[in-house]
Amino acid sequence: MEEASKQLNDFIAQLVRLNATMAELFRSGNVALFTEMNAAIKEMYRLQHGSTDRVLKTLDPECVPIYRNFDMIVEVLRTTEDGEIDKGAQGALNKFLHNIDESVVNIAVALGIVSK
């Protein structure tokens, strides 16, 4: 088995960071954690799109939903009045978070970090 590249190892570290942040968000409901999620996702994107690593390139189909769903989370949060998240916005946020979580799990399975 090939040794993982530094970029891949850094990407995995960000994936773990994202997963831990989402777990805390689900546990606490603290929407301030979206800032931490954003930082992890931006770093994942930077690592993946600046890489020649074959594995990172093959992960793109699973990464795209993370990037797109987080963009949608940002859009929903921008539409809330005074930071108040109503029932409709909460439903949308939950769906986008679920989609991100599913992609994180699929990536972890693809990398052999967890089994499904």
PDB file of N, CA and C in Angstrom:
ATOM      1  N   MET A   1       0.842  -1.186   0.000  1.00  0.00           N
ATOM      2  CA  MET A   1       0.000   0.000   0.000  1.00  0.00           C
ATOM      3  C   MET A   1       0.883   1.243   0.000  1.00  0.00           C
ATOM      4  N   GLU A   2       0.484   2.215  -0.809  1.00  0.00           N
ATOM      5  CA  GLU A   2       1.245   3.462  -0.891  1.00  0.00           C
ATOM      6  C   GLU A   2       1.176   4.217   0.428  1.00  0.00           C
ATOM      7  N   GLU A   3       2.247   4.938   0.693  1.00  0.00           N
ATOM      8  CA  GLU A   3       2.214   5.817   1.852  1.00  0.00           C
ATOM      9  C   GLU A   3       1.393   7.043   1.473  1.00  0.00           C
ATOM     10  N   ALA A   4       0.554   7.492   2.372  1.00  0.00           N
ATOM     11  CA  ALA A   4      -0.294   8.655   2.101  1.00  0.00           C
ATOM     12  C   ALA A   4       0.561   9.911   1.979  1.00  0.00           C
ATOM     13  N   SER A   5       0.176  10.774   1.057  1.00  0.00           N
ATOM     14  CA  SER A   5       0.883  12.041   0.881  1.00  0.00           C
ATOM     15  C   SER A   5       0.587  12.978   2.052  1.00  0.00           C
ATOM     16  N   LYS A   6       1.436  13.965   2.218  1.00  0.00           N
ATOM     17  CA  LYS A   6       1.210  14.970   3.259  1.00  0.00           C
ATOM     18  C   LYS A   6      -0.129  15.657   3.032  1.00  0.00           C
ATOM     19  N   GLN A   7      -0.449  15.963   1.781  1.00  0.00           N
ATOM     20  CA  GLN A   7      -1.725  16.622   1.483  1.00  0.00           C
ATOM     21  C   GLN A   7      -2.903  15.741   1.903  1.00  0.00           C
ATOM     22  N   LEU A   8      -2.805  14.454   1.630  1.00  0.00           N
ATOM     23  CA  LEU A   8      -3.881  13.544   2.013  1.00  0.00           C
ATOM     24  C   LEU A   8      -3.989  13.466   3.535  1.00  0.00           C
ATOM     25  N   ASN A   9      -2.861  13.370   4.211  1.00  0.00           N
ATOM     26  CA  ASN A   9      -2.888  13.347   5.683  1.00  0.00           C
ATOM     27  C   ASN A   9      -3.488  14.630   6.247  1.00  0.00           C
ATOM     28  N   ASP A  10      -3.127  15.775   5.659  1.00  0.00           N
ATOM     29  CA  ASP A  10      -3.695  17.057   6.104  1.00  0.00           C
ATOM     30  C   ASP A  10      -5.198  17.104   5.829  1.00  0.00           C
ATOM     31  N   PHE A  11      -5.614  16.580   4.686  1.00  0.00           N
ATOM     32  CA  PHE A  11      -7.033  16.527   4.340  1.00  0.00           C
ATOM     33  C   PHE A  11      -7.784  15.676   5.361  1.00  0.00           C
ATOM     34  N   ILE A  12      -7.219  14.519   5.705  1.00  0.00           N
ATOM     35  CA  ILE A  12      -7.848  13.636   6.694  1.00  0.00           C
ATOM     36  C   ILE A  12      -7.968  14.344   8.036  1.00  0.00           C
ATOM     37  N   ALA A  13      -6.948  15.095   8.418  1.00  0.00           N
ATOM     38  CA  ALA A  13      -7.002  15.844   9.677  1.00  0.00           C
ATOM     39  C   ALA A  13      -8.158  16.847   9.655  1.00  0.00           C
ATOM     40  N   GLN A  14      -8.378  17.500   8.517  1.00  0.00           N
ATOM     41  CA  GLN A  14      -9.489  18.450   8.400  1.00  0.00           C
ATOM     42  C   GLN A  14     -10.836  17.735   8.395  1.00  0.00           C
ATOM     43  N   LEU A  15     -10.875  16.556   7.793  1.00  0.00           N
ATOM     44  CA  LEU A  15     -12.099  15.753   7.787  1.00  0.00           C
ATOM     45  C   LEU A  15     -12.472  15.373   9.224  1.00  0.00           C
ATOM     46  N   VAL A  16     -11.485  14.974  10.006  1.00  0.00           N
ATOM     47  CA  VAL A  16     -11.715  14.638  11.418  1.00  0.00           C
ATOM     48  C   VAL A  16     -12.163  15.886  12.179  1.00  0.00           C
ATOM     49  N   ARG A  17     -11.525  17.012  11.899  1.00  0.00           N
ATOM     50  CA  ARG A  17     -11.905  18.292  12.530  1.00  0.00           C
ATOM     51  C   ARG A  17     -13.358  18.632  12.212  1.00  0.00           C
ATOM     52  N   LEU A  18     -13.734  18.479  10.947  1.00  0.00           N
ATOM     53  CA  LEU A  18     -15.110  18.754  10.531  1.00  0.00           C
ATOM     54  C   LEU A  18     -16.078  17.826  11.245  1.00  0.00           C
ATOM     55  N   ASN A  19     -15.755  16.552  11.298  1.00  0.00           N
ATOM     56  CA  ASN A  19     -16.624  15.583  11.950  1.00  0.00           C
ATOM     57  C   ASN A  19     -16.806  15.903  13.435  1.00  0.00           C
ATOM     58  N   ALA A  20     -15.718  16.234  14.110  1.00  0.00           N
ATOM     59  CA  ALA A  20     -15.795  16.567  15.539  1.00  0.00           C
ATOM     60  C   ALA A  20     -16.615  17.834  15.764  1.00  0.00           C
ATOM     61  N   THR A  21     -16.454  18.805  14.886  1.00  0.00           N
ATOM     62  CA  THR A  21     -17.214  20.048  15.012  1.00  0.00           C
ATOM     63  C   THR A  21     -18.697  19.796  14.794  1.00  0.00           C
ATOM     64  N   MET A  22     -19.011  18.962  13.802  1.00  0.00           N
ATOM     65  CA  MET A  22     -20.418  18.641  13.561  1.00  0.00           C
ATOM     66  C   MET A  22     -21.011  17.881  14.739  1.00  0.00           C
ATOM     67  N   ALA A  23     -20.255  16.961  15.321  1.00  0.00           N
ATOM     68  CA  ALA A  23     -20.747  16.219  16.482  1.00  0.00           C
ATOM     69  C   ALA A  23     -21.060  17.177  17.623  1.00  0.00           C
ATOM     70  N   GLU A  24     -20.184  18.140  17.843  1.00  0.00           N
ATOM     71  CA  GLU A  24     -20.412  19.134  18.897  1.00  0.00           C
ATOM     72  C   GLU A  24     -21.625  20.014  18.554  1.00  0.00           C
ATOM     73  N   LEU A  25     -21.764  20.373  17.284  1.00  0.00           N
ATOM     74  CA  LEU A  25     -22.911  21.179  16.853  1.00  0.00           C
ATOM     75  C   LEU A  25     -24.214  20.416  17.099  1.00  0.00           C
ATOM     76  N   PHE A  26     -24.242  19.141  16.725  1.00  0.00           N
ATOM     77  CA  PHE A  26     -25.439  18.330  16.948  1.00  0.00           C
ATOM     78  C   PHE A  26     -25.731  18.195  18.444  1.00  0.00           C
ATOM     79  N   ARG A  27     -24.677  18.044  19.239  1.00  0.00           N
ATOM     80  CA  ARG A  27     -24.845  17.877  20.682  1.00  0.00           C
ATOM     81  C   ARG A  27     -25.322  19.155  21.354  1.00  0.00           C
ATOM     82  N   SER A  28     -24.696  20.276  20.968  1.00  0.00           N
ATOM     83  CA  SER A  28     -24.940  21.524  21.696  1.00  0.00           C
ATOM     84  C   SER A  28     -25.932  22.468  21.020  1.00  0.00           C
ATOM     85  N   GLY A  29     -26.065  22.374  19.713  1.00  0.00           N
ATOM     86  CA  GLY A  29     -26.908  23.325  18.987  1.00  0.00           C
ATOM     87  C   GLY A  29     -26.270  24.696  18.849  1.00  0.00           C
ATOM     88  N   ASN A  30     -25.003  24.808  19.180  1.00  0.00           N
ATOM     89  CA  ASN A  30     -24.290  26.082  19.136  1.00  0.00           C
ATOM     90  C   ASN A  30     -23.963  26.463  17.688  1.00  0.00           C
ATOM     91  N   VAL A  31     -24.739  27.390  17.119  1.00  0.00           N
ATOM     92  CA  VAL A  31     -24.548  27.773  15.721  1.00  0.00           C
ATOM     93  C   VAL A  31     -23.238  28.521  15.487  1.00  0.00           C
ATOM     94  N   ALA A  32     -22.586  28.961  16.542  1.00  0.00           N
ATOM     95  CA  ALA A  32     -21.273  29.594  16.382  1.00  0.00           C
ATOM     96  C   ALA A  32     -20.255  28.595  15.827  1.00  0.00           C
ATOM     97  N   LEU A  33     -20.550  27.306  15.957  1.00  0.00           N
ATOM     98  CA  LEU A  33     -19.645  26.274  15.434  1.00  0.00           C
ATOM     99  C   LEU A  33     -19.617  26.234  13.912  1.00  0.00           C
ATOM    100  N   PHE A  34     -20.560  26.903  13.263  1.00  0.00           N
ATOM    101  CA  PHE A  34     -20.518  26.980  11.800  1.00  0.00           C
ATOM    102  C   PHE A  34     -19.231  27.658  11.331  1.00  0.00           C
ATOM    103  N   THR A  35     -18.695  28.561  12.129  1.00  0.00           N
ATOM    104  CA  THR A  35     -17.438  29.225  11.786  1.00  0.00           C
ATOM    105  C   THR A  35     -16.301  28.212  11.741  1.00  0.00           C
ATOM    106  N   GLU A  36     -16.257  27.314  12.711  1.00  0.00           N
ATOM    107  CA  GLU A  36     -15.238  26.263  12.738  1.00  0.00           C
ATOM    108  C   GLU A  36     -15.431  25.296  11.576  1.00  0.00           C
ATOM    109  N   MET A  37     -16.667  24.944  11.285  1.00  0.00           N
ATOM    110  CA  MET A  37     -16.952  24.078  10.139  1.00  0.00           C
ATOM    111  C   MET A  37     -16.452  24.734   8.864  1.00  0.00           C
ATOM    112  N   ASN A  38     -16.735  26.015   8.712  1.00  0.00           N
ATOM    113  CA  ASN A  38     -16.323  26.748   7.529  1.00  0.00           C
ATOM    114  C   ASN A  38     -14.808  26.690   7.352  1.00  0.00           C
ATOM    115  N   ALA A  39     -14.072  26.879   8.438  1.00  0.00           N
ATOM    116  CA  ALA A  39     -12.604  26.855   8.363  1.00  0.00           C
ATOM    117  C   ALA A  39     -12.103  25.474   7.922  1.00  0.00           C
ATOM    118  N   ALA A  40     -12.681  24.421   8.470  1.00  0.00           N
ATOM    119  CA  ALA A  40     -12.269  23.060   8.100  1.00  0.00           C
ATOM    120  C   ALA A  40     -12.595  22.776   6.638  1.00  0.00           C
ATOM    121  N   ILE A  41     -13.783  23.166   6.209  1.00  0.00           N
ATOM    122  CA  ILE A  41     -14.210  22.901   4.833  1.00  0.00           C
ATOM    123  C   ILE A  41     -13.366  23.695   3.846  1.00  0.00           C
ATOM    124  N   LYS A  42     -13.082  24.952   4.149  1.00  0.00           N
ATOM    125  CA  LYS A  42     -12.221  25.748   3.262  1.00  0.00           C
ATOM    126  C   LYS A  42     -10.840  25.112   3.123  1.00  0.00           C
ATOM    127  N   GLU A  43     -10.295  24.598   4.221  1.00  0.00           N
ATOM    128  CA  GLU A  43      -8.976  23.962   4.170  1.00  0.00           C
ATOM    129  C   GLU A  43      -9.040  22.647   3.390  1.00  0.00           C
ATOM    130  N   MET A  44     -10.119  21.887   3.544  1.00  0.00           N
ATOM    131  CA  MET A  44     -10.295  20.660   2.761  1.00  0.00           C
ATOM    132  C   MET A  44     -10.315  20.991   1.280  1.00  0.00           C
ATOM    133  N   TYR A  45     -11.077  22.019   0.924  1.00  0.00           N
ATOM    134  CA  TYR A  45     -11.178  22.428  -0.484  1.00  0.00           C
ATOM    135  C   TYR A  45      -9.805  22.841  -1.018  1.00  0.00           C
ATOM    136  N   ARG A  46      -9.080  23.646  -0.226  1.00  0.00           N
ATOM    137  CA  ARG A  46      -7.765  24.116  -0.657  1.00  0.00           C
ATOM    138  C   ARG A  46      -6.819  22.940  -0.874  1.00  0.00           C
ATOM    139  N   LEU A  47      -6.816  22.022   0.057  1.00  0.00           N
ATOM    140  CA  LEU A  47      -5.939  20.861  -0.059  1.00  0.00           C
ATOM    141  C   LEU A  47      -6.305  19.995  -1.256  1.00  0.00           C
ATOM    142  N   GLN A  48      -7.581  19.781  -1.438  1.00  0.00           N
ATOM    143  CA  GLN A  48      -8.014  18.911  -2.522  1.00  0.00           C
ATOM    144  C   GLN A  48      -7.763  19.538  -3.885  1.00  0.00           C
ATOM    145  N   HIS A  49      -8.083  20.809  -4.036  1.00  0.00           N
ATOM    146  CA  HIS A  49      -7.970  21.443  -5.347  1.00  0.00           C
ATOM    147  C   HIS A  49      -6.574  21.918  -5.680  1.00  0.00           C
ATOM    148  N   GLY A  50      -5.684  21.925  -4.714  1.00  0.00           N
ATOM    149  CA  GLY A  50      -4.303  22.286  -4.985  1.00  0.00           C
ATOM    150  C   GLY A  50      -3.408  21.060  -5.051  1.00  0.00           C
ATOM    151  N   SER A  51      -3.998  19.887  -5.130  1.00  0.00           N
ATOM    152  CA  SER A  51      -3.243  18.651  -4.994  1.00  0.00           C
ATOM    153  C   SER A  51      -3.113  17.890  -6.307  1.00  0.00           C
ATOM    154  N   THR A  52      -2.026  17.173  -6.394  1.00  0.00           N
ATOM    155  CA  THR A  52      -1.849  16.219  -7.493  1.00  0.00           C
ATOM    156  C   THR A  52      -2.050  14.799  -6.974  1.00  0.00           C
ATOM    157  N   ASP A  53      -2.396  14.679  -5.696  1.00  0.00           N
ATOM    158  CA  ASP A  53      -2.597  13.373  -5.074  1.00  0.00           C
ATOM    159  C   ASP A  53      -3.770  12.653  -5.733  1.00  0.00           C
ATOM    160  N   ARG A  54      -3.494  11.453  -6.204  1.00  0.00           N
ATOM    161  CA  ARG A  54      -4.496  10.654  -6.923  1.00  0.00           C
ATOM    162  C   ARG A  54      -5.723  10.377  -6.053  1.00  0.00           C
ATOM    163  N   VAL A  55      -5.501  10.068  -4.786  1.00  0.00           N
ATOM    164  CA  VAL A  55      -6.612   9.745  -3.885  1.00  0.00           C
ATOM    165  C   VAL A  55      -7.501  10.965  -3.672  1.00  0.00           C
ATOM    166  N   LEU A  56      -6.897  12.119  -3.456  1.00  0.00           N
ATOM    167  CA  LEU A  56      -7.693  13.333  -3.257  1.00  0.00           C
ATOM    168  C   LEU A  56      -8.534  13.643  -4.488  1.00  0.00           C
ATOM    169  N   LYS A  57      -7.994  13.395  -5.653  1.00  0.00           N
ATOM    170  CA  LYS A  57      -8.765  13.636  -6.883  1.00  0.00           C
ATOM    171  C   LYS A  57      -9.947  12.685  -6.993  1.00  0.00           C
ATOM    172  N   THR A  58      -9.761  11.440  -6.574  1.00  0.00           N
ATOM    173  CA  THR A  58     -10.865  10.474  -6.671  1.00  0.00           C
ATOM    174  C   THR A  58     -11.962  10.748  -5.646  1.00  0.00           C
ATOM    175  N   LEU A  59     -11.651  11.528  -4.608  1.00  0.00           N
ATOM    176  CA  LEU A  59     -12.651  11.842  -3.578  1.00  0.00           C
ATOM    177  C   LEU A  59     -13.600  12.962  -3.998  1.00  0.00           C
ATOM    178  N   ASP A  60     -13.322  13.606  -5.108  1.00  0.00           N
ATOM    179  CA  ASP A  60     -14.112  14.771  -5.497  1.00  0.00           C
ATOM    180  C   ASP A  60     -15.623  14.534  -5.503  1.00  0.00           C
ATOM    181  N   PRO A  61     -16.126  13.415  -6.038  1.00  0.00           N
ATOM    182  CA  PRO A  61     -17.585  13.223  -6.025  1.00  0.00           C
ATOM    183  C   PRO A  61     -18.197  13.248  -4.624  1.00  0.00           C
ATOM    184  N   GLU A  62     -17.448  12.828  -3.623  1.00  0.00           N
ATOM    185  CA  GLU A  62     -17.957  12.868  -2.253  1.00  0.00           C
ATOM    186  C   GLU A  62     -17.704  14.217  -1.584  1.00  0.00           C
ATOM    187  N   CYS A  63     -16.731  14.959  -2.068  1.00  0.00           N
ATOM    188  CA  CYS A  63     -16.431  16.274  -1.487  1.00  0.00           C
ATOM    189  C   CYS A  63     -17.401  17.352  -1.974  1.00  0.00           C
ATOM    190  N   VAL A  64     -17.822  17.240  -3.209  1.00  0.00           N
ATOM    191  CA  VAL A  64     -18.706  18.262  -3.790  1.00  0.00           C
ATOM    192  C   VAL A  64     -19.943  18.493  -2.925  1.00  0.00           C
ATOM    193  N   PRO A  65     -20.633  17.439  -2.444  1.00  0.00           N
ATOM    194  CA  PRO A  65     -21.798  17.704  -1.587  1.00  0.00           C
ATOM    195  C   PRO A  65     -21.456  18.462  -0.302  1.00  0.00           C
ATOM    196  N   ILE A  66     -20.258  18.234   0.233  1.00  0.00           N
ATOM    197  CA  ILE A  66     -19.847  18.979   1.433  1.00  0.00           C
ATOM    198  C   ILE A  66     -19.764  20.455   1.098  1.00  0.00           C
ATOM    199  N   TYR A  67     -19.065  20.773   0.024  1.00  0.00           N
ATOM    200  CA  TYR A  67     -18.875  22.175  -0.353  1.00  0.00           C
ATOM    201  C   TYR A  67     -20.207  22.840  -0.699  1.00  0.00           C
ATOM    202  N   ARG A  68     -21.022  22.173  -1.481  1.00  0.00           N
ATOM    203  CA  ARG A  68     -22.305  22.760  -1.912  1.00  0.00           C
ATOM    204  C   ARG A  68     -23.280  22.913  -0.748  1.00  0.00           C
ATOM    205  N   ASN A  69     -23.376  21.893   0.087  1.00  0.00           N
ATOM    206  CA  ASN A  69     -24.314  21.974   1.202  1.00  0.00           C
ATOM    207  C   ASN A  69     -23.892  23.027   2.213  1.00  0.00           C
ATOM    208  N   PHE A  70     -22.581  23.190   2.414  1.00  0.00           N
ATOM    209  CA  PHE A  70     -22.171  24.242   3.338  1.00  0.00           C
ATOM    210  C   PHE A  70     -22.466  25.615   2.744  1.00  0.00           C
ATOM    211  N   ASP A  71     -22.292  25.772   1.433  1.00  0.00           N
ATOM    212  CA  ASP A  71     -22.671  27.035   0.791  1.00  0.00           C
ATOM    213  C   ASP A  71     -24.153  27.328   1.024  1.00  0.00           C
ATOM    214  N   MET A  72     -24.983  26.294   0.974  1.00  0.00           N
ATOM    215  CA  MET A  72     -26.413  26.472   1.207  1.00  0.00           C
ATOM    216  C   MET A  72     -26.685  26.830   2.672  1.00  0.00           C
ATOM    217  N   ILE A  73     -25.929  26.267   3.595  1.00  0.00           N
ATOM    218  CA  ILE A  73     -26.071  26.626   5.010  1.00  0.00           C
ATOM    219  C   ILE A  73     -25.805  28.112   5.187  1.00  0.00           C
ATOM    220  N   VAL A  74     -24.745  28.597   4.567  1.00  0.00           N
ATOM    221  CA  VAL A  74     -24.405  30.017   4.651  1.00  0.00           C
ATOM    222  C   VAL A  74     -25.541  30.862   4.101  1.00  0.00           C
ATOM    223  N   GLU A  75     -26.119  30.452   2.983  1.00  0.00           N
ATOM    224  CA  GLU A  75     -27.231  31.208   2.401  1.00  0.00           C
ATOM    225  C   GLU A  75     -28.439  31.240   3.338  1.00  0.00           C
ATOM    226  N   VAL A  76     -28.768  30.102   3.943  1.00  0.00           N
ATOM    227  CA  VAL A  76     -29.897  30.061   4.880  1.00  0.00           C
ATOM    228  C   VAL A  76     -29.624  30.980   6.067  1.00  0.00           C
ATOM    229  N   LEU A  77     -28.418  30.918   6.609  1.00  0.00           N
ATOM    230  CA  LEU A  77     -28.088  31.756   7.764  1.00  0.00           C
ATOM    231  C   LEU A  77     -28.154  33.239   7.413  1.00  0.00           C
ATOM    232  N   ARG A  78     -27.836  33.583   6.190  1.00  0.00           N
ATOM    233  CA  ARG A  78     -27.908  34.990   5.762  1.00  0.00           C
ATOM    234  C   ARG A  78     -29.348  35.499   5.681  1.00  0.00           C
ATOM    235  N   THR A  79     -30.286  34.586   5.513  1.00  0.00           N
ATOM    236  CA  THR A  79     -31.687  34.998   5.374  1.00  0.00           C
ATOM    237  C   THR A  79     -32.419  35.091   6.707  1.00  0.00           C
ATOM    238  N   THR A  80     -31.782  34.637   7.775  1.00  0.00           N
ATOM    239  CA  THR A  80     -32.460  34.682   9.073  1.00  0.00           C
ATOM    240  C   THR A  80     -32.483  36.116   9.598  1.00  0.00           C
ATOM    241  N   GLU A  81     -33.569  36.444  10.271  1.00  0.00           N
ATOM    242  CA  GLU A  81     -33.709  37.781  10.844  1.00  0.00           C
ATOM    243  C   GLU A  81     -33.066  37.814  12.217  1.00  0.00           C
ATOM    244  N   ASP A  82     -32.175  38.722  12.408  1.00  0.00           N
ATOM    245  CA  ASP A  82     -31.501  38.914  13.695  1.00  0.00           C
ATOM    246  C   ASP A  82     -30.878  37.631  14.234  1.00  0.00           C
ATOM    247  N   GLY A  83     -30.459  36.731  13.322  1.00  0.00           N
ATOM    248  CA  GLY A  83     -29.831  35.496  13.758  1.00  0.00           C
ATOM    249  C   GLY A  83     -30.780  34.465  14.319  1.00  0.00           C
ATOM    250  N   GLU A  84     -32.089  34.758  14.282  1.00  0.00           N
ATOM    251  CA  GLU A  84     -33.092  33.818  14.775  1.00  0.00           C
ATOM    252  C   GLU A  84     -33.382  32.774  13.698  1.00  0.00           C
ATOM    253  N   ILE A  85     -33.240  31.520  14.073  1.00  0.00           N
ATOM    254  CA  ILE A  85     -33.470  30.427  13.127  1.00  0.00           C
ATOM    255  C   ILE A  85     -34.871  29.883  13.356  1.00  0.00           C
ATOM    256  N   ASP A  86     -35.758  30.135  12.390  1.00  0.00           N
ATOM    257  CA  ASP A  86     -37.134  29.659  12.518  1.00  0.00           C
ATOM    258  C   ASP A  86     -37.223  28.177  12.131  1.00  0.00           C
ATOM    259  N   LYS A  87     -38.415  27.621  12.231  1.00  0.00           N
ATOM    260  CA  LYS A  87     -38.615  26.191  11.993  1.00  0.00           C
ATOM    261  C   LYS A  87     -38.235  25.789  10.567  1.00  0.00           C
ATOM    262  N   GLY A  88     -38.573  26.614   9.586  1.00  0.00           N
ATOM    263  CA  GLY A  88     -38.234  26.318   8.195  1.00  0.00           C
ATOM    264  C   GLY A  88     -36.736  26.325   7.960  1.00  0.00           C
ATOM    265  N   ALA A  89     -36.073  27.345   8.496  1.00  0.00           N
ATOM    266  CA  ALA A  89     -34.616  27.433   8.353  1.00  0.00           C
ATOM    267  C   ALA A  89     -33.954  26.266   9.080  1.00  0.00           C
ATOM    268  N   GLN A  90     -34.471  25.901  10.249  1.00  0.00           N
ATOM    269  CA  GLN A  90     -33.899  24.772  10.998  1.00  0.00           C
ATOM    270  C   GLN A  90     -34.017  23.487  10.210  1.00  0.00           C
ATOM    271  N   GLY A  91     -35.141  23.285   9.560  1.00  0.00           N
ATOM    272  CA  GLY A  91     -35.326  22.089   8.738  1.00  0.00           C
ATOM    273  C   GLY A  91     -34.328  22.036   7.590  1.00  0.00           C
ATOM    274  N   ALA A  92     -34.128  23.177   6.941  1.00  0.00           N
ATOM    275  CA  ALA A  92     -33.165  23.244   5.842  1.00  0.00           C
ATOM    276  C   ALA A  92     -31.746  22.989   6.360  1.00  0.00           C
ATOM    277  N   LEU A  93     -31.398  23.623   7.468  1.00  0.00           N
ATOM    278  CA  LEU A  93     -30.061  23.424   8.039  1.00  0.00           C
ATOM    279  C   LEU A  93     -29.833  21.957   8.401  1.00  0.00           C
ATOM    280  N   ASN A  94     -30.834  21.338   8.982  1.00  0.00           N
ATOM    281  CA  ASN A  94     -30.712  19.928   9.347  1.00  0.00           C
ATOM    282  C   ASN A  94     -30.463  19.052   8.123  1.00  0.00           C
ATOM    283  N   LYS A  95     -31.178  19.327   7.031  1.00  0.00           N
ATOM    284  CA  LYS A  95     -31.004  18.553   5.796  1.00  0.00           C
ATOM    285  C   LYS A  95     -29.592  18.750   5.239  1.00  0.00           C
ATOM    286  N   PHE A  96     -29.114  19.991   5.194  1.00  0.00           N
ATOM    287  CA  PHE A  96     -27.775  20.259   4.667  1.00  0.00           C
ATOM    288  C   PHE A  96     -26.711  19.610   5.548  1.00  0.00           C
ATOM    289  N   LEU A  97     -26.897  19.671   6.866  1.00  0.00           N
ATOM    290  CA  LEU A  97     -25.948  19.032   7.785  1.00  0.00           C
ATOM    291  C   LEU A  97     -25.952  17.514   7.612  1.00  0.00           C
ATOM    292  N   HIS A  98     -27.128  16.946   7.418  1.00  0.00           N
ATOM    293  CA  HIS A  98     -27.235  15.506   7.175  1.00  0.00           C
ATOM    294  C   HIS A  98     -26.461  15.130   5.907  1.00  0.00           C
ATOM    295  N   ASN A  99     -26.623  15.916   4.842  1.00  0.00           N
ATOM    296  CA  ASN A  99     -25.929  15.642   3.584  1.00  0.00           C
ATOM    297  C   ASN A  99     -24.411  15.708   3.764  1.00  0.00           C
ATOM    298  N   ILE A 100     -23.948  16.704   4.516  1.00  0.00           N
ATOM    299  CA  ILE A 100     -22.516  16.829   4.786  1.00  0.00           C
ATOM    300  C   ILE A 100     -22.036  15.626   5.590  1.00  0.00           C
ATOM    301  N   ASP A 101     -22.782  15.278   6.625  1.00  0.00           N
ATOM    302  CA  ASP A 101     -22.408  14.148   7.469  1.00  0.00           C
ATOM    303  C   ASP A 101     -22.318  12.863   6.651  1.00  0.00           C
ATOM    304  N   GLU A 102     -23.255  12.651   5.766  1.00  0.00           N
ATOM    305  CA  GLU A 102     -23.249  11.458   4.917  1.00  0.00           C
ATOM    306  C   GLU A 102     -21.994  11.424   4.038  1.00  0.00           C
ATOM    307  N   SER A 103     -21.627  12.563   3.482  1.00  0.00           N
ATOM    308  CA  SER A 103     -20.419  12.622   2.651  1.00  0.00           C
ATOM    309  C   SER A 103     -19.159  12.391   3.478  1.00  0.00           C
ATOM    310  N   VAL A 104     -19.115  12.934   4.686  1.00  0.00           N
ATOM    311  CA  VAL A 104     -17.963  12.720   5.567  1.00  0.00           C
ATOM    312  C   VAL A 104     -17.807  11.221   5.843  1.00  0.00           C
ATOM    313  N   VAL A 105     -18.897  10.552   6.136  1.00  0.00           N
ATOM    314  CA  VAL A 105     -18.851   9.110   6.396  1.00  0.00           C
ATOM    315  C   VAL A 105     -18.402   8.365   5.141  1.00  0.00           C
ATOM    316  N   ASN A 106     -18.939   8.723   3.984  1.00  0.00           N
ATOM    317  CA  ASN A 106     -18.558   8.056   2.733  1.00  0.00           C
ATOM    318  C   ASN A 106     -17.062   8.235   2.440  1.00  0.00           C
ATOM    319  N   ILE A 107     -16.527   9.417   2.706  1.00  0.00           N
ATOM    320  CA  ILE A 107     -15.103   9.665   2.502  1.00  0.00           C
ATOM    321  C   ILE A 107     -14.288   8.825   3.477  1.00  0.00           C
ATOM    322  N   ALA A 108     -14.707   8.807   4.734  1.00  0.00           N
ATOM    323  CA  ALA A 108     -13.993   8.020   5.735  1.00  0.00           C
ATOM    324  C   ALA A 108     -13.994   6.531   5.367  1.00  0.00           C
ATOM    325  N   VAL A 109     -15.100   6.041   4.842  1.00  0.00           N
ATOM    326  CA  VAL A 109     -15.174   4.640   4.391  1.00  0.00           C
ATOM    327  C   VAL A 109     -14.236   4.433   3.204  1.00  0.00           C
ATOM    328  N   ALA A 110     -14.278   5.337   2.236  1.00  0.00           N
ATOM    329  CA  ALA A 110     -13.428   5.224   1.049  1.00  0.00           C
ATOM    330  C   ALA A 110     -11.951   5.212   1.406  1.00  0.00           C
ATOM    331  N   LEU A 111     -11.595   5.953   2.451  1.00  0.00           N
ATOM    332  CA  LEU A 111     -10.198   6.022   2.882  1.00  0.00           C
ATOM    333  C   LEU A 111      -9.825   4.894   3.843  1.00  0.00           C
ATOM    334  N   GLY A 112     -10.801   4.079   4.224  1.00  0.00           N
ATOM    335  CA  GLY A 112     -10.528   2.976   5.118  1.00  0.00           C
ATOM    336  C   GLY A 112     -10.395   3.395   6.583  1.00  0.00           C
ATOM    337  N   ILE A 113     -10.874   4.599   6.900  1.00  0.00           N
ATOM    338  CA  ILE A 113     -10.788   5.085   8.279  1.00  0.00           C
ATOM    339  C   ILE A 113     -11.847   4.416   9.148  1.00  0.00           C
ATOM    340  N   VAL A 114     -13.024   4.195   8.570  1.00  0.00           N
ATOM    341  CA  VAL A 114     -14.120   3.505   9.248  1.00  0.00           C
ATOM    342  C   VAL A 114     -14.737   2.506   8.274  1.00  0.00           C
ATOM    343  N   SER A 115     -15.524   1.602   8.796  1.00  0.00           N
ATOM    344  CA  SER A 115     -16.259   0.691   7.933  1.00  0.00           C
ATOM    345  C   SER A 115     -17.743   0.963   8.106  1.00  0.00           C
ATOM    346  N   LYS A 116     -18.475   0.698   7.083  1.00  0.00           N
ATOM    347  CA  LYS A 116     -19.911   0.980   7.101  1.00  0.00           C
ATOM    348  C   LYS A 116     -20.701  -0.249   7.460  1.00  0.00           C
TER     349      LYS A 116
END
